[in-house]
C-alpha atoms as a PDB file:
ATOM      1  CA  MET A   1     254.385  90.558 110.347  1.00  0.00           C
ATOM      2  CA  LYS A   2     253.385  93.873 108.767  1.00  0.00           C
ATOM      3  CA  LYS A   3     251.875  92.063 105.800  1.00  0.00           C
ATOM      4  CA  LEU A   4     249.778  89.913 108.105  1.00  0.00           C
ATOM      5  CA  ILE A   5     248.443  92.938 109.975  1.00  0.00           C
ATOM      6  CA  GLN A   6     247.748  94.714 106.683  1.00  0.00           C
ATOM      7  CA  PHE A   7     245.922  91.635 105.386  1.00  0.00           C
ATOM      8  CA  VAL A   8     243.710  91.483 108.478  1.00  0.00           C
ATOM      9  CA  LYS A   9     242.885  95.195 108.232  1.00  0.00           C
ATOM     10  CA  GLU A  10     242.028  94.920 104.525  1.00  0.00           C
ATOM     11  CA  SER A  11     239.930  91.806 105.128  1.00  0.00           C
ATOM     12  CA  TYR A  12     237.990  93.599 107.863  1.00  0.00           C
ATOM     13  CA  ALA A  13     237.444  96.586 105.569  1.00  0.00           C
ATOM     14  CA  GLU A  14     236.123  94.323 102.796  1.00  0.00           C
ATOM     15  CA  LEU A  15     233.790  92.507 105.201  1.00  0.00           C
ATOM     16  CA  ARG A  16     232.277  95.852 106.200  1.00  0.00           C
ATOM     17  CA  LYS A  17     231.301  96.378 102.542  1.00  0.00           C
ATOM     18  CA  VAL A  18     229.366  93.095 102.363  1.00  0.00           C
ATOM     19  CA  ILE A  19     225.593  93.364 102.306  1.00  0.00           C
ATOM     20  CA  TRP A  20     224.528  90.482 104.529  1.00  0.00           C
ATOM     21  CA  PRO A  21     221.186  88.773 103.829  1.00  0.00           C
ATOM     22  CA  SER A  22     218.336  89.263 106.269  1.00  0.00           C
ATOM     23  CA  ARG A  23     217.134  86.488 108.532  1.00  0.00           C
ATOM     24  CA  ASP A  24     214.031  85.997 106.368  1.00  0.00           C
ATOM     25  CA  ASP A  25     216.166  85.643 103.230  1.00  0.00           C
ATOM     26  CA  VAL A  26     218.338  83.008 104.888  1.00  0.00           C
ATOM     27  CA  ILE A  27     215.325  81.061 106.158  1.00  0.00           C
ATOM     28  CA  SER A  28     213.638  81.043 102.749  1.00  0.00           C
ATOM     29  CA  SER A  29     216.882  79.920 101.085  1.00  0.00           C
ATOM     30  CA  VAL A  30     217.293  77.101 103.611  1.00  0.00           C
ATOM     31  CA  LYS A  31     213.711  75.966 102.973  1.00  0.00           C
ATOM     32  CA  ILE A  32     214.358  75.853  99.226  1.00  0.00           C
ATOM     33  CA  VAL A  33     217.556  73.844  99.721  1.00  0.00           C
ATOM     34  CA  ILE A  34     215.878  71.346 102.051  1.00  0.00           C
ATOM     35  CA  ILE A  35     212.878  70.866  99.739  1.00  0.00           C
ATOM     36  CA  SER A  36     215.156  70.475  96.698  1.00  0.00           C
ATOM     37  CA  THR A  37     217.331  67.950  98.531  1.00  0.00           C
ATOM     38  CA  VAL A  38     214.332  65.869  99.584  1.00  0.00           C
ATOM     39  CA  MET A  39     212.913  65.926  96.049  1.00  0.00           C
ATOM     40  CA  VAL A  40     216.204  64.845  94.456  1.00  0.00           C
ATOM     41  CA  ALA A  41     216.627  62.110  97.083  1.00  0.00           C
ATOM     42  CA  ALA A  42     213.115  60.816  96.350  1.00  0.00           C
ATOM     43  CA  ILE A  43     213.720  60.819  92.598  1.00  0.00           C
ATOM     44  CA  LEU A  44     217.047  59.019  92.960  1.00  0.00           C
ATOM     45  CA  GLY A  45     215.471  56.506  95.357  1.00  0.00           C
ATOM     46  CA  LEU A  46     212.714  55.809  92.827  1.00  0.00           C
ATOM     47  CA  VAL A  47     215.242  55.361  90.007  1.00  0.00           C
ATOM     48  CA  ASP A  48     217.264  53.020  92.232  1.00  0.00           C
ATOM     49  CA  VAL A  49     214.210  50.890  93.015  1.00  0.00           C
ATOM     50  CA  LEU A  50     213.181  50.748  89.346  1.00  0.00           C
ATOM     51  CA  LEU A  51     216.674  49.756  88.226  1.00  0.00           C
ATOM     52  CA  LEU A  52     216.871  47.107  90.940  1.00  0.00           C
ATOM     53  CA  PHE A  53     213.502  45.716  89.853  1.00  0.00           C
ATOM     54  CA  GLY A  54     214.620  45.703  86.215  1.00  0.00           C
ATOM     55  CA  ILE A  55     217.881  43.937  87.006  1.00  0.00           C
ATOM     56  CA  ARG A  56     216.055  41.288  89.030  1.00  0.00           C
ATOM     57  CA  LEU A  57     213.721  40.662  86.093  1.00  0.00           C
ATOM     58  CA  VAL A  58     216.664  40.169  83.723  1.00  0.00           C
ATOM     59  CA  PHE A  59     218.698  37.947  86.029  1.00  0.00           C
END
């Protein structure tokens, strides 16, 4: 039980050392992730359509 309490205390001490990002940093990072995800999805969708069209031409 002592080890568990010590672990919790050390974890809390380490979390106090963390420099948390600001709200603006988080929002800009989320925007980048969403835009990147949409772009990759569009590219993969285009590749899928082109491959499907190519397969239908062959068969």
